[in-house]
């Protein structure tokens, strides 16, 4: 895989829950692929979203803006966004921008799925 390309995998976990797994760089040139996957999931009633960013190697303000927008859209439809596996530069970007105070961050995919299922 070329690290400057963002690859997004979508997996329906169960009713209303979707896992979006992103790999590569999340920036102004690649953010559309995640936006399309998120739009599709929300359009299918999947408003409990787990965004796995464990393999994201870079995230700029465009990526952060998309994540905030996804958080707001999920909440507006009665759902939730949980960000799983943030580490390195992605975690630093979330912390520097204080988005770690707004978003639900989970250390693992399993923890995020458990929180979504239990309504935490």
PDB file of N, CA and C in Angstrom:
ATOM      1  N   UNK A   1       0.844  -1.190   0.000  1.00  0.00           N
ATOM      2  CA  UNK A   1       0.000   0.000   0.000  1.00  0.00           C
ATOM      3  C   UNK A   1       0.880   1.240   0.000  1.00  0.00           C
ATOM      4  N   UNK A   2       0.502   2.189  -0.774  1.00  0.00           N
ATOM      5  CA  UNK A   2       1.175   3.472  -0.822  1.00  0.00           C
ATOM      6  C   UNK A   2       0.630   4.328   0.316  1.00  0.00           C
ATOM      7  N   UNK A   3       1.503   4.772   1.239  1.00  0.00           N
ATOM      8  CA  UNK A   3       1.055   5.469   2.442  1.00  0.00           C
ATOM      9  C   UNK A   3       0.385   6.805   2.188  1.00  0.00           C
ATOM     10  N   UNK A   4       0.579   7.402   0.978  1.00  0.00           N
ATOM     11  CA  UNK A   4      -0.040   8.696   0.748  1.00  0.00           C
ATOM     12  C   UNK A   4      -1.461   8.570   0.209  1.00  0.00           C
ATOM     13  N   UNK A   5      -1.935   7.347   0.057  1.00  0.00           N
ATOM     14  CA  UNK A   5      -3.303   7.099  -0.371  1.00  0.00           C
ATOM     15  C   UNK A   5      -4.097   6.611   0.834  1.00  0.00           C
ATOM     16  N   UNK A   6      -5.303   7.099   0.981  1.00  0.00           N
ATOM     17  CA  UNK A   6      -6.159   6.655   2.072  1.00  0.00           C
ATOM     18  C   UNK A   6      -7.058   5.538   1.565  1.00  0.00           C
ATOM     19  N   UNK A   7      -7.029   4.426   2.270  1.00  0.00           N
ATOM     20  CA  UNK A   7      -7.899   3.305   1.964  1.00  0.00           C
ATOM     21  C   UNK A   7      -8.895   3.202   3.110  1.00  0.00           C
ATOM     22  N   UNK A   8     -10.175   3.103   2.779  1.00  0.00           N
ATOM     23  CA  UNK A   8     -11.227   3.011   3.792  1.00  0.00           C
ATOM     24  C   UNK A   8     -11.983   1.709   3.583  1.00  0.00           C
ATOM     25  N   UNK A   9     -12.058   0.933   4.653  1.00  0.00           N
ATOM     26  CA  UNK A   9     -12.835  -0.304   4.622  1.00  0.00           C
ATOM     27  C   UNK A   9     -14.059  -0.115   5.507  1.00  0.00           C
ATOM     28  N   UNK A  10     -15.209  -0.557   5.030  1.00  0.00           N
ATOM     29  CA  UNK A  10     -16.462  -0.449   5.767  1.00  0.00           C
ATOM     30  C   UNK A  10     -16.930  -1.836   6.165  1.00  0.00           C
ATOM     31  N   UNK A  11     -17.290  -1.976   7.444  1.00  0.00           N
ATOM     32  CA  UNK A  11     -17.808  -3.249   7.927  1.00  0.00           C
ATOM     33  C   UNK A  11     -19.022  -2.985   8.811  1.00  0.00           C
ATOM     34  N   UNK A  12     -20.161  -3.515   8.405  1.00  0.00           N
ATOM     35  CA  UNK A  12     -21.356  -3.414   9.232  1.00  0.00           C
ATOM     36  C   UNK A  12     -21.220  -4.407  10.374  1.00  0.00           C
ATOM     37  N   UNK A  13     -21.228  -3.910  11.607  1.00  0.00           N
ATOM     38  CA  UNK A  13     -21.054  -4.772  12.776  1.00  0.00           C
ATOM     39  C   UNK A  13     -22.385  -5.405  13.177  1.00  0.00           C
ATOM     40  N   UNK A  14     -23.402  -4.597  13.290  1.00  0.00           N
ATOM     41  CA  UNK A  14     -24.759  -5.046  13.606  1.00  0.00           C
ATOM     42  C   UNK A  14     -25.685  -3.859  13.404  1.00  0.00           C
ATOM     43  N   UNK A  15     -26.947  -4.006  13.761  1.00  0.00           N
ATOM     44  CA  UNK A  15     -27.925  -2.940  13.524  1.00  0.00           C
ATOM     45  C   UNK A  15     -27.400  -1.589  14.005  1.00  0.00           C
ATOM     46  N   UNK A  16     -27.409  -0.627  13.108  1.00  0.00           N
ATOM     47  CA  UNK A  16     -27.007   0.763  13.336  1.00  0.00           C
ATOM     48  C   UNK A  16     -25.513   0.949  13.565  1.00  0.00           C
ATOM     49  N   UNK A  17     -24.701  -0.104  13.677  1.00  0.00           N
ATOM     50  CA  UNK A  17     -23.269   0.039  13.969  1.00  0.00           C
ATOM     51  C   UNK A  17     -22.449  -0.270  12.725  1.00  0.00           C
ATOM     52  N   UNK A  18     -21.517   0.631  12.426  1.00  0.00           N
ATOM     53  CA  UNK A  18     -20.593   0.422  11.318  1.00  0.00           C
ATOM     54  C   UNK A  18     -19.176   0.740  11.800  1.00  0.00           C
ATOM     55  N   UNK A  19     -18.223  -0.022  11.294  1.00  0.00           N
ATOM     56  CA  UNK A  19     -16.814   0.252  11.561  1.00  0.00           C
ATOM     57  C   UNK A  19     -16.192   0.746  10.262  1.00  0.00           C
ATOM     58  N   UNK A  20     -15.627   1.937  10.320  1.00  0.00           N
ATOM     59  CA  UNK A  20     -14.876   2.493   9.201  1.00  0.00           C
ATOM     60  C   UNK A  20     -13.407   2.416   9.577  1.00  0.00           C
ATOM     61  N   UNK A  21     -12.636   1.654   8.820  1.00  0.00           N
ATOM     62  CA  UNK A  21     -11.211   1.486   9.089  1.00  0.00           C
ATOM     63  C   UNK A  21     -10.436   2.241   8.019  1.00  0.00           C
ATOM     64  N   UNK A  22      -9.664   3.220   8.454  1.00  0.00           N
ATOM     65  CA  UNK A  22      -8.888   4.046   7.533  1.00  0.00           C
ATOM     66  C   UNK A  22      -7.411   3.682   7.636  1.00  0.00           C
ATOM     67  N   UNK A  23      -6.744   3.633   6.483  1.00  0.00           N
ATOM     68  CA  UNK A  23      -5.310   3.339   6.427  1.00  0.00           C
ATOM     69  C   UNK A  23      -4.658   4.300   5.442  1.00  0.00           C
ATOM     70  N   UNK A  24      -3.574   4.939   5.870  1.00  0.00           N
ATOM     71  CA  UNK A  24      -2.852   5.880   5.014  1.00  0.00           C
ATOM     72  C   UNK A  24      -2.935   7.286   5.563  1.00  0.00           C
ATOM     73  N   UNK A  25      -2.833   8.255   4.671  1.00  0.00           N
ATOM     74  CA  UNK A  25      -2.858   9.659   5.074  1.00  0.00           C
ATOM     75  C   UNK A  25      -4.245  10.254   4.902  1.00  0.00           C
ATOM     76  N   UNK A  26      -4.691  10.945   5.948  1.00  0.00           N
ATOM     77  CA  UNK A  26      -5.996  11.609   5.938  1.00  0.00           C
ATOM     78  C   UNK A  26      -5.734  13.108   5.814  1.00  0.00           C
ATOM     79  N   UNK A  27      -5.818  13.597   4.577  1.00  0.00           N
ATOM     80  CA  UNK A  27      -5.534  15.012   4.334  1.00  0.00           C
ATOM     81  C   UNK A  27      -6.474  15.550   3.261  1.00  0.00           C
ATOM     82  N   UNK A  28      -6.259  16.769   2.853  1.00  0.00           N
ATOM     83  CA  UNK A  28      -7.176  17.427   1.915  1.00  0.00           C
ATOM     84  C   UNK A  28      -7.288  16.690   0.593  1.00  0.00           C
ATOM     85  N   UNK A  29      -6.265  15.941   0.222  1.00  0.00           N
ATOM     86  CA  UNK A  29      -6.296  15.214  -1.048  1.00  0.00           C
ATOM     87  C   UNK A  29      -6.988  13.866  -0.948  1.00  0.00           C
ATOM     88  N   UNK A  30      -7.164  13.339   0.270  1.00  0.00           N
ATOM     89  CA  UNK A  30      -7.703  11.988   0.432  1.00  0.00           C
ATOM     90  C   UNK A  30      -8.974  11.930   1.271  1.00  0.00           C
ATOM     91  N   UNK A  31      -9.350  13.026   1.877  1.00  0.00           N
ATOM     92  CA  UNK A  31     -10.460  13.046   2.831  1.00  0.00           C
ATOM     93  C   UNK A  31     -11.785  12.621   2.190  1.00  0.00           C
ATOM     94  N   UNK A  32     -11.914  12.808   0.887  1.00  0.00           N
ATOM     95  CA  UNK A  32     -13.172  12.487   0.220  1.00  0.00           C
ATOM     96  C   UNK A  32     -13.515  11.002   0.326  1.00  0.00           C
ATOM     97  N   UNK A  33     -12.530  10.123   0.297  1.00  0.00           N
ATOM     98  CA  UNK A  33     -12.838   8.690   0.364  1.00  0.00           C
ATOM     99  C   UNK A  33     -13.472   8.318   1.703  1.00  0.00           C
ATOM    100  N   UNK A  34     -13.018   8.933   2.784  1.00  0.00           N
ATOM    101  CA  UNK A  34     -13.638   8.685   4.087  1.00  0.00           C
ATOM    102  C   UNK A  34     -15.013   9.351   4.152  1.00  0.00           C
ATOM    103  N   UNK A  35     -15.129  10.533   3.587  1.00  0.00           N
ATOM    104  CA  UNK A  35     -16.420  11.233   3.575  1.00  0.00           C
ATOM    105  C   UNK A  35     -17.472  10.422   2.824  1.00  0.00           C
ATOM    106  N   UNK A  36     -17.108   9.835   1.701  1.00  0.00           N
ATOM    107  CA  UNK A  36     -18.050   9.031   0.915  1.00  0.00           C
ATOM    108  C   UNK A  36     -18.485   7.798   1.702  1.00  0.00           C
ATOM    109  N   UNK A  37     -17.535   7.121   2.343  1.00  0.00           N
ATOM    110  CA  UNK A  37     -17.869   5.937   3.144  1.00  0.00           C
ATOM    111  C   UNK A  37     -18.778   6.306   4.312  1.00  0.00           C
ATOM    112  N   UNK A  38     -18.504   7.433   4.959  1.00  0.00           N
ATOM    113  CA  UNK A  38     -19.328   7.884   6.081  1.00  0.00           C
ATOM    114  C   UNK A  38     -20.730   8.266   5.606  1.00  0.00           C
ATOM    115  N   UNK A  39     -20.808   8.978   4.478  1.00  0.00           N
ATOM    116  CA  UNK A  39     -22.115   9.356   3.921  1.00  0.00           C
ATOM    117  C   UNK A  39     -22.940   8.115   3.598  1.00  0.00           C
ATOM    118  N   UNK A  40     -22.299   7.120   3.018  1.00  0.00           N
ATOM    119  CA  UNK A  40     -22.995   5.882   2.686  1.00  0.00           C
ATOM    120  C   UNK A  40     -23.522   5.199   3.946  1.00  0.00           C
ATOM    121  N   UNK A  41     -22.670   5.109   4.968  1.00  0.00           N
ATOM    122  CA  UNK A  41     -23.076   4.457   6.226  1.00  0.00           C
ATOM    123  C   UNK A  41     -24.248   5.197   6.866  1.00  0.00           C
ATOM    124  N   UNK A  42     -24.160   6.503   6.949  1.00  0.00           N
ATOM    125  CA  UNK A  42     -25.244   7.281   7.542  1.00  0.00           C
ATOM    126  C   UNK A  42     -26.520   7.174   6.706  1.00  0.00           C
ATOM    127  N   UNK A  43     -26.366   7.142   5.409  1.00  0.00           N
ATOM    128  CA  UNK A  43     -27.518   7.005   4.526  1.00  0.00           C
ATOM    129  C   UNK A  43     -28.223   5.662   4.669  1.00  0.00           C
ATOM    130  N   UNK A  44     -27.522   4.668   5.167  1.00  0.00           N
ATOM    131  CA  UNK A  44     -28.103   3.349   5.397  1.00  0.00           C
ATOM    132  C   UNK A  44     -28.546   3.168   6.847  1.00  0.00           C
ATOM    133  N   UNK A  45     -28.587   4.281   7.603  1.00  0.00           N
ATOM    134  CA  UNK A  45     -29.064   4.213   8.984  1.00  0.00           C
ATOM    135  C   UNK A  45     -28.026   3.742   9.978  1.00  0.00           C
ATOM    136  N   UNK A  46     -26.771   3.700   9.574  1.00  0.00           N
ATOM    137  CA  UNK A  46     -25.675   3.293  10.466  1.00  0.00           C
ATOM    138  C   UNK A  46     -25.131   4.543  11.153  1.00  0.00           C
ATOM    139  N   UNK A  47     -25.777   4.946  12.254  1.00  0.00           N
ATOM    140  CA  UNK A  47     -25.396   6.187  12.929  1.00  0.00           C
ATOM    141  C   UNK A  47     -24.576   5.959  14.198  1.00  0.00           C
ATOM    142  N   UNK A  48     -24.220   4.727  14.454  1.00  0.00           N
ATOM    143  CA  UNK A  48     -23.285   4.405  15.543  1.00  0.00           C
ATOM    144  C   UNK A  48     -21.993   3.990  14.863  1.00  0.00           C
ATOM    145  N   UNK A  49     -21.084   4.950  14.776  1.00  0.00           N
ATOM    146  CA  UNK A  49     -19.899   4.795  13.938  1.00  0.00           C
ATOM    147  C   UNK A  49     -18.650   4.638  14.797  1.00  0.00           C
ATOM    148  N   UNK A  50     -17.886   3.606  14.481  1.00  0.00           N
ATOM    149  CA  UNK A  50     -16.564   3.436  15.065  1.00  0.00           C
ATOM    150  C   UNK A  50     -15.570   3.718  13.950  1.00  0.00           C
ATOM    151  N   UNK A  51     -14.728   4.711  14.154  1.00  0.00           N
ATOM    152  CA  UNK A  51     -13.708   5.082  13.180  1.00  0.00           C
ATOM    153  C   UNK A  51     -12.361   4.596  13.697  1.00  0.00           C
ATOM    154  N   UNK A  52     -11.843   3.561  13.060  1.00  0.00           N
ATOM    155  CA  UNK A  52     -10.549   2.981  13.436  1.00  0.00           C
ATOM    156  C   UNK A  52      -9.460   3.716  12.663  1.00  0.00           C
ATOM    157  N   UNK A  53      -8.639   4.487  13.392  1.00  0.00           N
ATOM    158  CA  UNK A  53      -7.572   5.272  12.763  1.00  0.00           C
ATOM    159  C   UNK A  53      -6.191   4.734  13.122  1.00  0.00           C
ATOM    160  N   UNK A  54      -6.135   3.502  13.566  1.00  0.00           N
ATOM    161  CA  UNK A  54      -4.867   2.911  13.992  1.00  0.00           C
ATOM    162  C   UNK A  54      -3.812   2.822  12.908  1.00  0.00           C
ATOM    163  N   UNK A  55      -4.237   2.829  11.656  1.00  0.00           N
ATOM    164  CA  UNK A  55      -3.289   2.751  10.538  1.00  0.00           C
ATOM    165  C   UNK A  55      -3.203   4.052   9.745  1.00  0.00           C
ATOM    166  N   UNK A  56      -3.742   5.121  10.318  1.00  0.00           N
ATOM    167  CA  UNK A  56      -3.613   6.429   9.680  1.00  0.00           C
ATOM    168  C   UNK A  56      -2.254   7.002  10.071  1.00  0.00           C
ATOM    169  N   UNK A  57      -1.480   7.377   9.067  1.00  0.00           N
ATOM    170  CA  UNK A  57      -0.108   7.839   9.298  1.00  0.00           C
ATOM    171  C   UNK A  57       0.028   9.351   9.345  1.00  0.00           C
ATOM    172  N   UNK A  58      -1.030  10.066   8.951  1.00  0.00           N
ATOM    173  CA  UNK A  58      -1.003  11.520   8.953  1.00  0.00           C
ATOM    174  C   UNK A  58      -2.435  12.023   8.948  1.00  0.00           C
ATOM    175  N   UNK A  59      -2.678  13.138   9.626  1.00  0.00           N
ATOM    176  CA  UNK A  59      -4.011  13.743   9.638  1.00  0.00           C
ATOM    177  C   UNK A  59      -3.846  15.255   9.728  1.00  0.00           C
ATOM    178  N   UNK A  60      -4.326  15.966   8.708  1.00  0.00           N
ATOM    179  CA  UNK A  60      -4.261  17.428   8.731  1.00  0.00           C
ATOM    180  C   UNK A  60      -5.616  18.009   9.149  1.00  0.00           C
ATOM    181  N   UNK A  61      -5.749  19.308   9.029  1.00  0.00           N
ATOM    182  CA  UNK A  61      -6.980  19.967   9.469  1.00  0.00           C
ATOM    183  C   UNK A  61      -8.204  19.514   8.676  1.00  0.00           C
ATOM    184  N   UNK A  62      -8.011  19.118   7.444  1.00  0.00           N
ATOM    185  CA  UNK A  62      -9.140  18.600   6.656  1.00  0.00           C
ATOM    186  C   UNK A  62      -9.665  17.306   7.262  1.00  0.00           C
ATOM    187  N   UNK A  63      -8.757  16.453   7.686  1.00  0.00           N
ATOM    188  CA  UNK A  63      -9.154  15.206   8.332  1.00  0.00           C
ATOM    189  C   UNK A  63      -9.829  15.453   9.664  1.00  0.00           C
ATOM    190  N   UNK A  64      -9.274  16.363  10.443  1.00  0.00           N
ATOM    191  CA  UNK A  64      -9.874  16.698  11.735  1.00  0.00           C
ATOM    192  C   UNK A  64     -11.265  17.291  11.546  1.00  0.00           C
ATOM    193  N   UNK A  65     -11.414  18.147  10.552  1.00  0.00           N
ATOM    194  CA  UNK A  65     -12.708  18.752  10.266  1.00  0.00           C
ATOM    195  C   UNK A  65     -13.733  17.688   9.871  1.00  0.00           C
ATOM    196  N   UNK A  66     -13.324  16.735   9.065  1.00  0.00           N
ATOM    197  CA  UNK A  66     -14.233  15.660   8.677  1.00  0.00           C
ATOM    198  C   UNK A  66     -14.667  14.849   9.894  1.00  0.00           C
ATOM    199  N   UNK A  67     -13.732  14.558  10.785  1.00  0.00           N
ATOM    200  CA  UNK A  67     -14.051  13.776  11.989  1.00  0.00           C
ATOM    201  C   UNK A  67     -15.048  14.538  12.863  1.00  0.00           C
ATOM    202  N   UNK A  68     -14.838  15.830  13.045  1.00  0.00           N
ATOM    203  CA  UNK A  68     -15.778  16.640  13.834  1.00  0.00           C
ATOM    204  C   UNK A  68     -17.150  16.665  13.168  1.00  0.00           C
ATOM    205  N   UNK A  69     -17.177  16.842  11.866  1.00  0.00           N
ATOM    206  CA  UNK A  69     -18.446  16.842  11.151  1.00  0.00           C
ATOM    207  C   UNK A  69     -19.165  15.505  11.261  1.00  0.00           C
ATOM    208  N   UNK A  70     -18.419  14.434  11.210  1.00  0.00           N
ATOM    209  CA  UNK A  70     -19.001  13.102  11.359  1.00  0.00           C
ATOM    210  C   UNK A  70     -19.557  12.911  12.769  1.00  0.00           C
ATOM    211  N   UNK A  71     -18.839  13.415  13.760  1.00  0.00           N
ATOM    212  CA  UNK A  71     -19.317  13.380  15.148  1.00  0.00           C
ATOM    213  C   UNK A  71     -20.657  14.108  15.259  1.00  0.00           C
ATOM    214  N   UNK A  72     -20.749  15.276  14.682  1.00  0.00           N
ATOM    215  CA  UNK A  72     -21.970  16.080  14.755  1.00  0.00           C
ATOM    216  C   UNK A  72     -23.128  15.423  14.011  1.00  0.00           C
ATOM    217  N   UNK A  73     -22.851  14.879  12.844  1.00  0.00           N
ATOM    218  CA  UNK A  73     -23.904  14.234  12.059  1.00  0.00           C
ATOM    219  C   UNK A  73     -24.436  12.994  12.753  1.00  0.00           C
ATOM    220  N   UNK A  74     -23.545  12.202  13.316  1.00  0.00           N
ATOM    221  CA  UNK A  74     -23.990  10.998  14.028  1.00  0.00           C
ATOM    222  C   UNK A  74     -24.846  11.395  15.230  1.00  0.00           C
ATOM    223  N   UNK A  75     -24.398  12.384  15.993  1.00  0.00           N
ATOM    224  CA  UNK A  75     -25.138  12.824  17.178  1.00  0.00           C
ATOM    225  C   UNK A  75     -26.505  13.396  16.792  1.00  0.00           C
ATOM    226  N   UNK A  76     -26.574  14.128  15.688  1.00  0.00           N
ATOM    227  CA  UNK A  76     -27.832  14.734  15.253  1.00  0.00           C
ATOM    228  C   UNK A  76     -28.882  13.686  14.898  1.00  0.00           C
ATOM    229  N   UNK A  77     -28.439  12.493  14.527  1.00  0.00           N
ATOM    230  CA  UNK A  77     -29.397  11.441  14.185  1.00  0.00           C
ATOM    231  C   UNK A  77     -29.589  10.451  15.331  1.00  0.00           C
ATOM    232  N   UNK A  78     -29.112  10.822  16.531  1.00  0.00           N
ATOM    233  CA  UNK A  78     -29.282   9.965  17.696  1.00  0.00           C
ATOM    234  C   UNK A  78     -28.198   8.928  17.862  1.00  0.00           C
ATOM    235  N   UNK A  79     -27.159   9.048  17.073  1.00  0.00           N
ATOM    236  CA  UNK A  79     -26.055   8.085  17.129  1.00  0.00           C
ATOM    237  C   UNK A  79     -24.838   8.640  17.837  1.00  0.00           C
ATOM    238  N   UNK A  80     -23.698   8.031  17.541  1.00  0.00           N
ATOM    239  CA  UNK A  80     -22.452   8.409  18.191  1.00  0.00           C
ATOM    240  C   UNK A  80     -21.287   8.065  17.274  1.00  0.00           C
ATOM    241  N   UNK A  81     -20.211   8.815  17.434  1.00  0.00           N
ATOM    242  CA  UNK A  81     -18.941   8.493  16.780  1.00  0.00           C
ATOM    243  C   UNK A  81     -17.926   8.183  17.870  1.00  0.00           C
ATOM    244  N   UNK A  82     -17.242   7.068  17.720  1.00  0.00           N
ATOM    245  CA  UNK A  82     -16.132   6.734  18.612  1.00  0.00           C
ATOM    246  C   UNK A  82     -14.903   6.547  17.740  1.00  0.00           C
ATOM    247  N   UNK A  83     -13.804   7.161  18.138  1.00  0.00           N
ATOM    248  CA  UNK A  83     -12.548   7.057  17.406  1.00  0.00           C
ATOM    249  C   UNK A  83     -11.691   6.027  18.117  1.00  0.00           C
ATOM    250  N   UNK A  84     -11.296   4.999  17.390  1.00  0.00           N
ATOM    251  CA  UNK A  84     -10.535   3.900  17.980  1.00  0.00           C
ATOM    252  C   UNK A  84      -9.086   3.914  17.494  1.00  0.00           C
ATOM    253  N   UNK A  85      -8.204   3.524  18.387  1.00  0.00           N
ATOM    254  CA  UNK A  85      -6.798   3.233  18.066  1.00  0.00           C
ATOM    255  C   UNK A  85      -5.976   4.450  17.656  1.00  0.00           C
ATOM    256  N   UNK A  86      -6.380   5.656  18.042  1.00  0.00           N
ATOM    257  CA  UNK A  86      -5.593   6.843  17.691  1.00  0.00           C
ATOM    258  C   UNK A  86      -4.241   6.765  18.392  1.00  0.00           C
ATOM    259  N   UNK A  87      -3.198   6.991  17.620  1.00  0.00           N
ATOM    260  CA  UNK A  87      -1.849   6.942  18.168  1.00  0.00           C
ATOM    261  C   UNK A  87      -0.939   7.857  17.366  1.00  0.00           C
ATOM    262  N   UNK A  88       0.249   8.061  17.858  1.00  0.00           N
ATOM    263  CA  UNK A  88       1.244   8.839  17.129  1.00  0.00           C
ATOM    264  C   UNK A  88       0.757  10.208  16.733  1.00  0.00           C
ATOM    265  N   UNK A  89       1.000  10.557  15.478  1.00  0.00           N
ATOM    266  CA  UNK A  89       0.689  11.888  14.977  1.00  0.00           C
ATOM    267  C   UNK A  89      -0.813  12.175  14.982  1.00  0.00           C
ATOM    268  N   UNK A  90      -1.625  11.145  14.803  1.00  0.00           N
ATOM    269  CA  UNK A  90      -3.082  11.355  14.811  1.00  0.00           C
ATOM    270  C   UNK A  90      -3.552  11.716  16.217  1.00  0.00           C
ATOM    271  N   UNK A  91      -3.080  10.980  17.195  1.00  0.00           N
ATOM    272  CA  UNK A  91      -3.436  11.281  18.584  1.00  0.00           C
ATOM    273  C   UNK A  91      -2.929  12.661  18.972  1.00  0.00           C
ATOM    274  N   UNK A  92      -1.729  12.997  18.569  1.00  0.00           N
ATOM    275  CA  UNK A  92      -1.174  14.315  18.863  1.00  0.00           C
ATOM    276  C   UNK A  92      -2.032  15.416  18.238  1.00  0.00           C
ATOM    277  N   UNK A  93      -2.465  15.224  17.004  1.00  0.00           N
ATOM    278  CA  UNK A  93      -3.312  16.227  16.345  1.00  0.00           C
ATOM    279  C   UNK A  93      -4.635  16.393  17.091  1.00  0.00           C
ATOM    280  N   UNK A  94      -5.218  15.291  17.540  1.00  0.00           N
ATOM    281  CA  UNK A  94      -6.471  15.357  18.296  1.00  0.00           C
ATOM    282  C   UNK A  94      -6.273  16.072  19.637  1.00  0.00           C
ATOM    283  N   UNK A  95      -5.147  15.837  20.269  1.00  0.00           N
ATOM    284  CA  UNK A  95      -4.869  16.469  21.566  1.00  0.00           C
ATOM    285  C   UNK A  95      -4.543  17.946  21.416  1.00  0.00           C
ATOM    286  N   UNK A  96      -3.706  18.294  20.464  1.00  0.00           N
ATOM    287  CA  UNK A  96      -3.313  19.699  20.268  1.00  0.00           C
ATOM    288  C   UNK A  96      -4.527  20.556  19.927  1.00  0.00           C
ATOM    289  N   UNK A  97      -5.459  19.994  19.164  1.00  0.00           N
ATOM    290  CA  UNK A  97      -6.659  20.731  18.773  1.00  0.00           C
ATOM    291  C   UNK A  97      -7.771  20.644  19.822  1.00  0.00           C
ATOM    292  N   UNK A  98      -7.491  19.986  20.941  1.00  0.00           N
ATOM    293  CA  UNK A  98      -8.447  19.761  22.030  1.00  0.00           C
ATOM    294  C   UNK A  98      -9.651  18.923  21.612  1.00  0.00           C
ATOM    295  N   UNK A  99      -9.563  18.239  20.503  1.00  0.00           N
ATOM    296  CA  UNK A  99     -10.668  17.383  20.074  1.00  0.00           C
ATOM    297  C   UNK A  99     -10.776  16.127  20.932  1.00  0.00           C
ATOM    298  N   UNK A 100      -9.725  15.820  21.669  1.00  0.00           N
ATOM    299  CA  UNK A 100      -9.809  14.692  22.606  1.00  0.00           C
ATOM    300  C   UNK A 100     -10.794  14.988  23.728  1.00  0.00           C
ATOM    301  N   UNK A 101     -11.166  16.251  23.882  1.00  0.00           N
ATOM    302  CA  UNK A 101     -12.172  16.630  24.884  1.00  0.00           C
ATOM    303  C   UNK A 101     -13.589  16.542  24.322  1.00  0.00           C
ATOM    304  N   UNK A 102     -13.722  16.613  23.013  1.00  0.00           N
ATOM    305  CA  UNK A 102     -15.022  16.563  22.347  1.00  0.00           C
ATOM    306  C   UNK A 102     -15.390  15.142  21.942  1.00  0.00           C
ATOM    307  N   UNK A 103     -14.420  14.423  21.421  1.00  0.00           N
ATOM    308  CA  UNK A 103     -14.665  13.106  20.845  1.00  0.00           C
ATOM    309  C   UNK A 103     -14.453  11.993  21.860  1.00  0.00           C
ATOM    310  N   UNK A 104     -15.109  10.874  21.602  1.00  0.00           N
ATOM    311  CA  UNK A 104     -14.858   9.668  22.393  1.00  0.00           C
ATOM    312  C   UNK A 104     -13.677   8.938  21.757  1.00  0.00           C
ATOM    313  N   UNK A 105     -12.587   8.815  22.504  1.00  0.00           N
ATOM    314  CA  UNK A 105     -11.406   8.109  22.019  1.00  0.00           C
ATOM    315  C   UNK A 105     -11.263   6.807  22.797  1.00  0.00           C
ATOM    316  N   UNK A 106     -11.104   5.723  22.066  1.00  0.00           N
ATOM    317  CA  UNK A 106     -10.933   4.412  22.686  1.00  0.00           C
ATOM    318  C   UNK A 106      -9.592   3.835  22.244  1.00  0.00           C
ATOM    319  N   UNK A 107      -8.873   3.181  23.165  1.00  0.00           N
ATOM    320  CA  UNK A 107      -7.544   2.671  22.830  1.00  0.00           C
ATOM    321  C   UNK A 107      -7.557   1.496  21.855  1.00  0.00           C
ATOM    322  N   UNK A 108      -8.657   0.763  21.800  1.00  0.00           N
ATOM    323  CA  UNK A 108      -8.747  -0.395  20.908  1.00  0.00           C
ATOM    324  C   UNK A 108     -10.090  -0.410  20.188  1.00  0.00           C
ATOM    325  N   UNK A 109     -10.136  -1.149  19.111  1.00  0.00           N
ATOM    326  CA  UNK A 109     -11.382  -1.336  18.382  1.00  0.00           C
ATOM    327  C   UNK A 109     -12.402  -2.059  19.250  1.00  0.00           C
ATOM    328  N   UNK A 110     -11.944  -3.046  19.998  1.00  0.00           N
ATOM    329  CA  UNK A 110     -12.834  -3.813  20.869  1.00  0.00           C
ATOM    330  C   UNK A 110     -13.477  -2.915  21.928  1.00  0.00           C
ATOM    331  N   UNK A 111     -12.688  -2.015  22.513  1.00  0.00           N
ATOM    332  CA  UNK A 111     -13.222  -1.096  23.527  1.00  0.00           C
ATOM    333  C   UNK A 111     -14.266  -0.165  22.921  1.00  0.00           C
ATOM    334  N   UNK A 112     -14.017   0.308  21.711  1.00  0.00           N
ATOM    335  CA  UNK A 112     -14.970   1.201  21.050  1.00  0.00           C
ATOM    336  C   UNK A 112     -16.273   0.469  20.737  1.00  0.00           C
ATOM    337  N   UNK A 113     -16.171  -0.748  20.231  1.00  0.00           N
ATOM    338  CA  UNK A 113     -17.372  -1.524  19.935  1.00  0.00           C
ATOM    339  C   UNK A 113     -18.153  -1.845  21.205  1.00  0.00           C
ATOM    340  N   UNK A 114     -17.458  -2.177  22.270  1.00  0.00           N
ATOM    341  CA  UNK A 114     -18.132  -2.443  23.546  1.00  0.00           C
ATOM    342  C   UNK A 114     -18.890  -1.195  24.007  1.00  0.00           C
ATOM    343  N   UNK A 115     -18.244  -0.036  23.923  1.00  0.00           N
ATOM    344  CA  UNK A 115     -18.887   1.220  24.367  1.00  0.00           C
ATOM    345  C   UNK A 115     -20.115   1.538  23.522  1.00  0.00           C
ATOM    346  N   UNK A 116     -20.025   1.327  22.215  1.00  0.00           N
ATOM    347  CA  UNK A 116     -21.172   1.590  21.345  1.00  0.00           C
ATOM    348  C   UNK A 116     -22.311   0.653  21.664  1.00  0.00           C
ATOM    349  N   UNK A 117     -21.994  -0.620  21.842  1.00  0.00           N
ATOM    350  CA  UNK A 117     -23.034  -1.612  22.118  1.00  0.00           C
ATOM    351  C   UNK A 117     -23.715  -1.379  23.462  1.00  0.00           C
ATOM    352  N   UNK A 118     -22.950  -0.914  24.440  1.00  0.00           N
ATOM    353  CA  UNK A 118     -23.501  -0.734  25.777  1.00  0.00           C
ATOM    354  C   UNK A 118     -24.081   0.672  25.982  1.00  0.00           C
ATOM    355  N   UNK A 119     -23.963   1.527  24.968  1.00  0.00           N
ATOM    356  CA  UNK A 119     -24.529   2.867  25.070  1.00  0.00           C
ATOM    357  C   UNK A 119     -23.730   3.824  25.925  1.00  0.00           C
ATOM    358  N   UNK A 120     -22.458   3.568  26.107  1.00  0.00           N
ATOM    359  CA  UNK A 120     -21.603   4.451  26.927  1.00  0.00           C
ATOM    360  C   UNK A 120     -21.290   5.741  26.196  1.00  0.00           C
TER     361      UNK A 120
END
